[in-house]
Amino acid sequence: MPFVITSPCVADYSCVEVCPAGAISPTPDDRAFDSADQLYIDPTRCIDCEACVEACPVGAIFDSRRVPERWKDAIRQNAQYFEGLRHV
């Protein structure tokens, strides 16, 4: 199961730097990065390595099967973010 980033995310991109699959966006090179409220993990690219979990300074990243109830909508939001990019 892929990991997801939830709303406590502060978009500091430490998780982007450690992701070996390049599954986290927007990256600092993306135009959308400066205006991003949070980052997202592409569920089709995530390889479940957990590197992002350790790198997150605010504990905002969870295995999609273990997302706290109050942030369950993050699973859908992460997937939708990338669906929108694939259709551009």
PDB file of N, CA and C in Angstrom:
ATOM      1  N   MET A   1       0.839  -1.194   0.000  1.00  0.00           N
ATOM      2  CA  MET A   1       0.000   0.000   0.000  1.00  0.00           C
ATOM      3  C   MET A   1       0.873   1.242   0.000  1.00  0.00           C
ATOM      4  N   PRO A   2       0.518   2.245  -0.750  1.00  0.00           N
ATOM      5  CA  PRO A   2       1.319   3.472  -0.789  1.00  0.00           C
ATOM      6  C   PRO A   2       1.154   4.291   0.490  1.00  0.00           C
ATOM      7  N   PHE A   3       2.048   5.213   0.654  1.00  0.00           N
ATOM      8  CA  PHE A   3       1.984   6.150   1.757  1.00  0.00           C
ATOM      9  C   PHE A   3       1.255   7.398   1.278  1.00  0.00           C
ATOM     10  N   VAL A   4       0.694   8.148   2.238  1.00  0.00           N
ATOM     11  CA  VAL A   4      -0.004   9.382   1.909  1.00  0.00           C
ATOM     12  C   VAL A   4       0.466  10.490   2.840  1.00  0.00           C
ATOM     13  N   ILE A   5       0.405  11.699   2.333  1.00  0.00           N
ATOM     14  CA  ILE A   5       0.746  12.871   3.124  1.00  0.00           C
ATOM     15  C   ILE A   5      -0.559  13.523   3.559  1.00  0.00           C
ATOM     16  N   THR A   6      -0.648  13.823   4.845  1.00  0.00           N
ATOM     17  CA  THR A   6      -1.863  14.396   5.411  1.00  0.00           C
ATOM     18  C   THR A   6      -1.692  15.893   5.682  1.00  0.00           C
ATOM     19  N   SER A   7      -2.763  16.536   6.124  1.00  0.00           N
ATOM     20  CA  SER A   7      -2.790  17.994   6.252  1.00  0.00           C
ATOM     21  C   SER A   7      -1.777  18.625   7.211  1.00  0.00           C
ATOM     22  N   PRO A   8      -1.184  17.928   8.159  1.00  0.00           N
ATOM     23  CA  PRO A   8      -0.149  18.603   8.952  1.00  0.00           C
ATOM     24  C   PRO A   8       1.107  18.951   8.143  1.00  0.00           C
ATOM     25  N   CYS A   9       1.174  18.527   6.889  1.00  0.00           N
ATOM     26  CA  CYS A   9       2.333  18.779   6.032  1.00  0.00           C
ATOM     27  C   CYS A   9       2.676  20.263   6.006  1.00  0.00           C
ATOM     28  N   VAL A  10       3.972  20.564   6.117  1.00  0.00           N
ATOM     29  CA  VAL A  10       4.446  21.951   6.052  1.00  0.00           C
ATOM     30  C   VAL A  10       5.195  22.235   4.753  1.00  0.00           C
ATOM     31  N   ALA A  11       5.208  21.289   3.831  1.00  0.00           N
ATOM     32  CA  ALA A  11       5.806  21.440   2.498  1.00  0.00           C
ATOM     33  C   ALA A  11       7.247  21.929   2.559  1.00  0.00           C
ATOM     34  N   ASP A  12       8.038  21.315   3.430  1.00  0.00           N
ATOM     35  CA  ASP A  12       9.445  21.728   3.520  1.00  0.00           C
ATOM     36  C   ASP A  12      10.345  20.939   2.578  1.00  0.00           C
ATOM     37  N   TYR A  13       9.823  19.998   1.870  1.00  0.00           N
ATOM     38  CA  TYR A  13      10.415  19.150   0.851  1.00  0.00           C
ATOM     39  C   TYR A  13      11.505  18.193   1.325  1.00  0.00           C
ATOM     40  N   SER A  14      11.644  17.990   2.643  1.00  0.00           N
ATOM     41  CA  SER A  14      12.609  17.002   3.124  1.00  0.00           C
ATOM     42  C   SER A  14      12.239  15.592   2.643  1.00  0.00           C
ATOM     43  N   CYS A  15      10.965  15.326   2.511  1.00  0.00           N
ATOM     44  CA  CYS A  15      10.530  14.016   2.017  1.00  0.00           C
ATOM     45  C   CYS A  15      10.849  13.856   0.533  1.00  0.00           C
ATOM     46  N   VAL A  16      10.757  14.939  -0.209  1.00  0.00           N
ATOM     47  CA  VAL A  16      11.066  14.903  -1.643  1.00  0.00           C
ATOM     48  C   VAL A  16      12.524  14.491  -1.846  1.00  0.00           C
ATOM     49  N   GLU A  17      13.394  15.028  -1.023  1.00  0.00           N
ATOM     50  CA  GLU A  17      14.828  14.758  -1.151  1.00  0.00           C
ATOM     51  C   GLU A  17      15.191  13.292  -0.922  1.00  0.00           C
ATOM     52  N   VAL A  18      14.433  12.584  -0.096  1.00  0.00           N
ATOM     53  CA  VAL A  18      14.780  11.199   0.226  1.00  0.00           C
ATOM     54  C   VAL A  18      13.998  10.158  -0.567  1.00  0.00           C
ATOM     55  N   CYS A  19      12.997  10.567  -1.323  1.00  0.00           N
ATOM     56  CA  CYS A  19      12.161   9.606  -2.054  1.00  0.00           C
ATOM     57  C   CYS A  19      12.916   9.047  -3.261  1.00  0.00           C
ATOM     58  N   PRO A  20      13.264   7.754  -3.237  1.00  0.00           N
ATOM     59  CA  PRO A  20      13.997   7.177  -4.362  1.00  0.00           C
ATOM     60  C   PRO A  20      13.152   6.965  -5.614  1.00  0.00           C
ATOM     61  N   ALA A  21      11.832   7.015  -5.456  1.00  0.00           N
ATOM     62  CA  ALA A  21      10.937   6.775  -6.590  1.00  0.00           C
ATOM     63  C   ALA A  21      10.460   8.064  -7.251  1.00  0.00           C
ATOM     64  N   GLY A  22      10.802   9.201  -6.694  1.00  0.00           N
ATOM     65  CA  GLY A  22      10.318  10.463  -7.257  1.00  0.00           C
ATOM     66  C   GLY A  22       8.810  10.553  -7.213  1.00  0.00           C
ATOM     67  N   ALA A  23       8.212  10.017  -6.151  1.00  0.00           N
ATOM     68  CA  ALA A  23       6.762   9.931  -6.059  1.00  0.00           C
ATOM     69  C   ALA A  23       6.109  11.128  -5.387  1.00  0.00           C
ATOM     70  N   ILE A  24       6.881  12.076  -4.881  1.00  0.00           N
ATOM     71  CA  ILE A  24       6.328  13.188  -4.116  1.00  0.00           C
ATOM     72  C   ILE A  24       6.376  14.479  -4.931  1.00  0.00           C
ATOM     73  N   SER A  25       5.256  15.185  -4.936  1.00  0.00           N
ATOM     74  CA  SER A  25       5.141  16.436  -5.688  1.00  0.00           C
ATOM     75  C   SER A  25       4.299  17.432  -4.916  1.00  0.00           C
ATOM     76  N   PRO A  26       4.364  18.688  -5.234  1.00  0.00           N
ATOM     77  CA  PRO A  26       5.274  19.264  -6.204  1.00  0.00           C
ATOM     78  C   PRO A  26       6.693  19.333  -5.648  1.00  0.00           C
ATOM     79  N   THR A  27       7.659  19.245  -6.539  1.00  0.00           N
ATOM     80  CA  THR A  27       9.063  19.340  -6.147  1.00  0.00           C
ATOM     81  C   THR A  27       9.484  20.809  -6.162  1.00  0.00           C
ATOM     82  N   PRO A  28      10.612  21.128  -5.555  1.00  0.00           N
ATOM     83  CA  PRO A  28      11.058  22.528  -5.572  1.00  0.00           C
ATOM     84  C   PRO A  28      11.255  23.091  -6.986  1.00  0.00           C
ATOM     85  N   ASP A  29      11.421  22.237  -7.977  1.00  0.00           N
ATOM     86  CA  ASP A  29      11.571  22.689  -9.365  1.00  0.00           C
ATOM     87  C   ASP A  29      10.245  22.981 -10.054  1.00  0.00           C
ATOM     88  N   ASP A  30       9.137  22.532  -9.478  1.00  0.00           N
ATOM     89  CA  ASP A  30       7.814  22.752 -10.062  1.00  0.00           C
ATOM     90  C   ASP A  30       7.323  24.164  -9.770  1.00  0.00           C
ATOM     91  N   ARG A  31       6.654  24.754 -10.743  1.00  0.00           N
ATOM     92  CA  ARG A  31       6.089  26.095 -10.542  1.00  0.00           C
ATOM     93  C   ARG A  31       5.109  26.133  -9.375  1.00  0.00           C
ATOM     94  N   ALA A  32       4.414  25.045  -9.148  1.00  0.00           N
ATOM     95  CA  ALA A  32       3.394  24.993  -8.101  1.00  0.00           C
ATOM     96  C   ALA A  32       3.981  24.880  -6.690  1.00  0.00           C
ATOM     97  N   PHE A  33       5.275  24.652  -6.580  1.00  0.00           N
ATOM     98  CA  PHE A  33       5.865  24.411  -5.258  1.00  0.00           C
ATOM     99  C   PHE A  33       5.703  25.594  -4.303  1.00  0.00           C
ATOM    100  N   ASP A  34       5.983  26.787  -4.758  1.00  0.00           N
ATOM    101  CA  ASP A  34       5.932  27.957  -3.873  1.00  0.00           C
ATOM    102  C   ASP A  34       4.538  28.239  -3.334  1.00  0.00           C
ATOM    103  N   SER A  35       3.522  27.838  -4.045  1.00  0.00           N
ATOM    104  CA  SER A  35       2.157  28.087  -3.590  1.00  0.00           C
ATOM    105  C   SER A  35       1.509  26.851  -2.963  1.00  0.00           C
ATOM    106  N   ALA A  36       2.257  25.759  -2.842  1.00  0.00           N
ATOM    107  CA  ALA A  36       1.694  24.513  -2.318  1.00  0.00           C
ATOM    108  C   ALA A  36       1.440  24.607  -0.814  1.00  0.00           C
ATOM    109  N   ASP A  37       0.236  24.207  -0.418  1.00  0.00           N
ATOM    110  CA  ASP A  37      -0.084  24.125   1.003  1.00  0.00           C
ATOM    111  C   ASP A  37       0.489  22.848   1.605  1.00  0.00           C
ATOM    112  N   GLN A  38       0.611  21.841   0.772  1.00  0.00           N
ATOM    113  CA  GLN A  38       1.179  20.578   1.210  1.00  0.00           C
ATOM    114  C   GLN A  38       1.719  19.829   0.003  1.00  0.00           C
ATOM    115  N   LEU A  39       2.396  18.730   0.267  1.00  0.00           N
ATOM    116  CA  LEU A  39       2.922  17.871  -0.792  1.00  0.00           C
ATOM    117  C   LEU A  39       2.041  16.633  -0.885  1.00  0.00           C
ATOM    118  N   TYR A  40       2.228  15.858  -1.965  1.00  0.00           N
ATOM    119  CA  TYR A  40       1.405  14.681  -2.222  1.00  0.00           C
ATOM    120  C   TYR A  40       2.279  13.529  -2.701  1.00  0.00           C
ATOM    121  N   ILE A  41       1.838  12.303  -2.404  1.00  0.00           N
ATOM    122  CA  ILE A  41       2.548  11.102  -2.857  1.00  0.00           C
ATOM    123  C   ILE A  41       1.712  10.416  -3.928  1.00  0.00           C
ATOM    124  N   ASP A  42       2.327  10.171  -5.073  1.00  0.00           N
ATOM    125  CA  ASP A  42       1.664   9.486  -6.176  1.00  0.00           C
ATOM    126  C   ASP A  42       1.518   8.008  -5.809  1.00  0.00           C
ATOM    127  N   PRO A  43       0.290   7.520  -5.642  1.00  0.00           N
ATOM    128  CA  PRO A  43       0.097   6.128  -5.231  1.00  0.00           C
ATOM    129  C   PRO A  43       0.566   5.111  -6.273  1.00  0.00           C
ATOM    130  N   THR A  44       0.709   5.528  -7.524  1.00  0.00           N
ATOM    131  CA  THR A  44       1.171   4.596  -8.556  1.00  0.00           C
ATOM    132  C   THR A  44       2.693   4.519  -8.611  1.00  0.00           C
ATOM    133  N   ARG A  45       3.384   5.486  -8.023  1.00  0.00           N
ATOM    134  CA  ARG A  45       4.854   5.497  -8.039  1.00  0.00           C
ATOM    135  C   ARG A  45       5.471   5.136  -6.700  1.00  0.00           C
ATOM    136  N   CYS A  46       4.711   5.245  -5.611  1.00  0.00           N
ATOM    137  CA  CYS A  46       5.224   4.954  -4.270  1.00  0.00           C
ATOM    138  C   CYS A  46       5.659   3.490  -4.184  1.00  0.00           C
ATOM    139  N   ILE A  47       6.872   3.261  -3.670  1.00  0.00           N
ATOM    140  CA  ILE A  47       7.400   1.896  -3.564  1.00  0.00           C
ATOM    141  C   ILE A  47       7.404   1.391  -2.114  1.00  0.00           C
ATOM    142  N   ASP A  48       6.725   2.089  -1.233  1.00  0.00           N
ATOM    143  CA  ASP A  48       6.571   1.668   0.170  1.00  0.00           C
ATOM    144  C   ASP A  48       7.888   1.533   0.925  1.00  0.00           C
ATOM    145  N   CYS A  49       8.846   2.366   0.624  1.00  0.00           N
ATOM    146  CA  CYS A  49      10.154   2.243   1.277  1.00  0.00           C
ATOM    147  C   CYS A  49      10.200   2.898   2.659  1.00  0.00           C
ATOM    148  N   GLU A  50       9.257   3.764   2.959  1.00  0.00           N
ATOM    149  CA  GLU A  50       9.137   4.477   4.229  1.00  0.00           C
ATOM    150  C   GLU A  50      10.187   5.563   4.454  1.00  0.00           C
ATOM    151  N   ALA A  51      10.998   5.864   3.482  1.00  0.00           N
ATOM    152  CA  ALA A  51      12.019   6.903   3.657  1.00  0.00           C
ATOM    153  C   ALA A  51      11.379   8.251   3.978  1.00  0.00           C
ATOM    154  N   CYS A  52      10.258   8.534   3.361  1.00  0.00           N
ATOM    155  CA  CYS A  52       9.578   9.815   3.579  1.00  0.00           C
ATOM    156  C   CYS A  52       9.042   9.949   4.999  1.00  0.00           C
ATOM    157  N   VAL A  53       8.622   8.834   5.582  1.00  0.00           N
ATOM    158  CA  VAL A  53       8.070   8.855   6.937  1.00  0.00           C
ATOM    159  C   VAL A  53       9.122   9.363   7.914  1.00  0.00           C
ATOM    160  N   GLU A  54      10.319   8.837   7.806  1.00  0.00           N
ATOM    161  CA  GLU A  54      11.416   9.250   8.689  1.00  0.00           C
ATOM    162  C   GLU A  54      11.836  10.687   8.441  1.00  0.00           C
ATOM    163  N   ALA A  55      11.754  11.148   7.212  1.00  0.00           N
ATOM    164  CA  ALA A  55      12.203  12.494   6.853  1.00  0.00           C
ATOM    165  C   ALA A  55      11.209  13.584   7.236  1.00  0.00           C
ATOM    166  N   CYS A  56       9.946  13.253   7.373  1.00  0.00           N
ATOM    167  CA  CYS A  56       8.914  14.257   7.642  1.00  0.00           C
ATOM    168  C   CYS A  56       9.092  14.865   9.036  1.00  0.00           C
ATOM    169  N   PRO A  57       9.309  16.181   9.105  1.00  0.00           N
ATOM    170  CA  PRO A  57       9.544  16.821  10.400  1.00  0.00           C
ATOM    171  C   PRO A  57       8.298  16.954  11.279  1.00  0.00           C
ATOM    172  N   VAL A  58       7.115  16.757  10.699  1.00  0.00           N
ATOM    173  CA  VAL A  58       5.884  16.939  11.473  1.00  0.00           C
ATOM    174  C   VAL A  58       5.022  15.679  11.576  1.00  0.00           C
ATOM    175  N   GLY A  59       5.525  14.542  11.126  1.00  0.00           N
ATOM    176  CA  GLY A  59       4.777  13.290  11.234  1.00  0.00           C
ATOM    177  C   GLY A  59       3.487  13.274  10.427  1.00  0.00           C
ATOM    178  N   ALA A  60       3.533  13.832   9.230  1.00  0.00           N
ATOM    179  CA  ALA A  60       2.329  13.938   8.401  1.00  0.00           C
ATOM    180  C   ALA A  60       2.165  12.803   7.406  1.00  0.00           C
ATOM    181  N   ILE A  61       3.100  11.851   7.364  1.00  0.00           N
ATOM    182  CA  ILE A  61       3.054  10.792   6.353  1.00  0.00           C
ATOM    183  C   ILE A  61       2.724   9.453   7.001  1.00  0.00           C
ATOM    184  N   PHE A  62       1.747   8.766   6.402  1.00  0.00           N
ATOM    185  CA  PHE A  62       1.264   7.502   6.948  1.00  0.00           C
ATOM    186  C   PHE A  62       1.095   6.459   5.847  1.00  0.00           C
ATOM    187  N   ASP A  63       1.242   5.197   6.225  1.00  0.00           N
ATOM    188  CA  ASP A  63       0.834   4.092   5.373  1.00  0.00           C
ATOM    189  C   ASP A  63      -0.664   4.296   5.142  1.00  0.00           C
ATOM    190  N   SER A  64      -1.132   4.144   3.931  1.00  0.00           N
ATOM    191  CA  SER A  64      -2.542   4.435   3.629  1.00  0.00           C
ATOM    192  C   SER A  64      -3.509   3.567   4.436  1.00  0.00           C
ATOM    193  N   ARG A  65      -3.046   2.445   4.963  1.00  0.00           N
ATOM    194  CA  ARG A  65      -3.910   1.598   5.791  1.00  0.00           C
ATOM    195  C   ARG A  65      -3.947   2.068   7.236  1.00  0.00           C
ATOM    196  N   ARG A  66      -3.087   3.017   7.579  1.00  0.00           N
ATOM    197  CA  ARG A  66      -2.989   3.462   8.968  1.00  0.00           C
ATOM    198  C   ARG A  66      -3.181   4.976   9.146  1.00  0.00           C
ATOM    199  N   VAL A  67      -3.817   5.608   8.191  1.00  0.00           N
ATOM    200  CA  VAL A  67      -4.081   7.044   8.292  1.00  0.00           C
ATOM    201  C   VAL A  67      -5.105   7.272   9.407  1.00  0.00           C
ATOM    202  N   PRO A  68      -4.811   8.186  10.343  1.00  0.00           N
ATOM    203  CA  PRO A  68      -5.790   8.481  11.395  1.00  0.00           C
ATOM    204  C   PRO A  68      -7.125   8.924  10.795  1.00  0.00           C
ATOM    205  N   GLU A  69      -8.186   8.573  11.452  1.00  0.00           N
ATOM    206  CA  GLU A  69      -9.534   8.828  10.951  1.00  0.00           C
ATOM    207  C   GLU A  69      -9.736  10.278  10.522  1.00  0.00           C
ATOM    208  N   ARG A  70      -9.234  11.225  11.275  1.00  0.00           N
ATOM    209  CA  ARG A  70      -9.462  12.642  10.961  1.00  0.00           C
ATOM    210  C   ARG A  70      -8.792  13.081   9.661  1.00  0.00           C
ATOM    211  N   TRP A  71      -7.852  12.282   9.150  1.00  0.00           N
ATOM    212  CA  TRP A  71      -7.150  12.627   7.908  1.00  0.00           C
ATOM    213  C   TRP A  71      -7.388  11.611   6.792  1.00  0.00           C
ATOM    214  N   LYS A  72      -8.391  10.762   6.923  1.00  0.00           N
ATOM    215  CA  LYS A  72      -8.675   9.733   5.906  1.00  0.00           C
ATOM    216  C   LYS A  72      -8.884  10.315   4.514  1.00  0.00           C
ATOM    217  N   ASP A  73      -9.407  11.523   4.420  1.00  0.00           N
ATOM    218  CA  ASP A  73      -9.659  12.135   3.118  1.00  0.00           C
ATOM    219  C   ASP A  73      -8.351  12.377   2.358  1.00  0.00           C
ATOM    220  N   ALA A  74      -7.225  12.368   3.052  1.00  0.00           N
ATOM    221  CA  ALA A  74      -5.926  12.572   2.407  1.00  0.00           C
ATOM    222  C   ALA A  74      -5.634  11.474   1.387  1.00  0.00           C
ATOM    223  N   ILE A  75      -6.143  10.294   1.595  1.00  0.00           N
ATOM    224  CA  ILE A  75      -5.922   9.193   0.651  1.00  0.00           C
ATOM    225  C   ILE A  75      -6.487   9.585  -0.716  1.00  0.00           C
ATOM    226  N   ARG A  76      -7.708  10.076  -0.730  1.00  0.00           N
ATOM    227  CA  ARG A  76      -8.359  10.514  -1.966  1.00  0.00           C
ATOM    228  C   ARG A  76      -7.663  11.755  -2.533  1.00  0.00           C
ATOM    229  N   GLN A  77      -7.318  12.701  -1.677  1.00  0.00           N
ATOM    230  CA  GLN A  77      -6.686  13.938  -2.135  1.00  0.00           C
ATOM    231  C   GLN A  77      -5.341  13.672  -2.806  1.00  0.00           C
ATOM    232  N   ASN A  78      -4.531  12.763  -2.237  1.00  0.00           N
ATOM    233  CA  ASN A  78      -3.246  12.435  -2.848  1.00  0.00           C
ATOM    234  C   ASN A  78      -3.452  11.846  -4.234  1.00  0.00           C
ATOM    235  N   ALA A  79      -4.370  10.911  -4.364  1.00  0.00           N
ATOM    236  CA  ALA A  79      -4.637  10.284  -5.664  1.00  0.00           C
ATOM    237  C   ALA A  79      -5.180  11.300  -6.665  1.00  0.00           C
ATOM    238  N   GLN A  80      -6.094  12.155  -6.231  1.00  0.00           N
ATOM    239  CA  GLN A  80      -6.685  13.145  -7.137  1.00  0.00           C
ATOM    240  C   GLN A  80      -5.669  14.165  -7.625  1.00  0.00           C
ATOM    241  N   TYR A  81      -4.734  14.534  -6.780  1.00  0.00           N
ATOM    242  CA  TYR A  81      -3.706  15.487  -7.197  1.00  0.00           C
ATOM    243  C   TYR A  81      -2.984  14.965  -8.438  1.00  0.00           C
ATOM    244  N   PHE A  82      -2.623  13.693  -8.427  1.00  0.00           N
ATOM    245  CA  PHE A  82      -1.891  13.123  -9.555  1.00  0.00           C
ATOM    246  C   PHE A  82      -2.789  12.795 -10.734  1.00  0.00           C
ATOM    247  N   GLU A  83      -4.043  12.481 -10.497  1.00  0.00           N
ATOM    248  CA  GLU A  83      -4.978  12.264 -11.607  1.00  0.00           C
ATOM    249  C   GLU A  83      -5.084  13.549 -12.430  1.00  0.00           C
ATOM    250  N   GLY A  84      -5.155  14.671 -11.755  1.00  0.00           N
ATOM    251  CA  GLY A  84      -5.237  15.947 -12.448  1.00  0.00           C
ATOM    252  C   GLY A  84      -3.998  16.211 -13.293  1.00  0.00           C
ATOM    253  N   LEU A  85      -2.830  15.842 -12.796  1.00  0.00           N
ATOM    254  CA  LEU A  85      -1.591  16.050 -13.548  1.00  0.00           C
ATOM    255  C   LEU A  85      -1.509  15.146 -14.770  1.00  0.00           C
ATOM    256  N   ARG A  86      -2.052  13.946 -14.668  1.00  0.00           N
ATOM    257  CA  ARG A  86      -1.993  12.997 -15.783  1.00  0.00           C
ATOM    258  C   ARG A  86      -2.913  13.403 -16.935  1.00  0.00           C
ATOM    259  N   HIS A  87      -3.910  14.219 -16.645  1.00  0.00           N
ATOM    260  CA  HIS A  87      -4.866  14.612 -17.680  1.00  0.00           C
ATOM    261  C   HIS A  87      -4.559  15.981 -18.275  1.00  0.00           C
ATOM    262  N   VAL A  88      -3.452  16.569 -17.901  1.00  0.00           N
ATOM    263  CA  VAL A  88      -3.090  17.898 -18.426  1.00  0.00           C
ATOM    264  C   VAL A  88      -2.378  17.749 -19.744  1.00  0.00           C
TER     265      VAL A  88
END
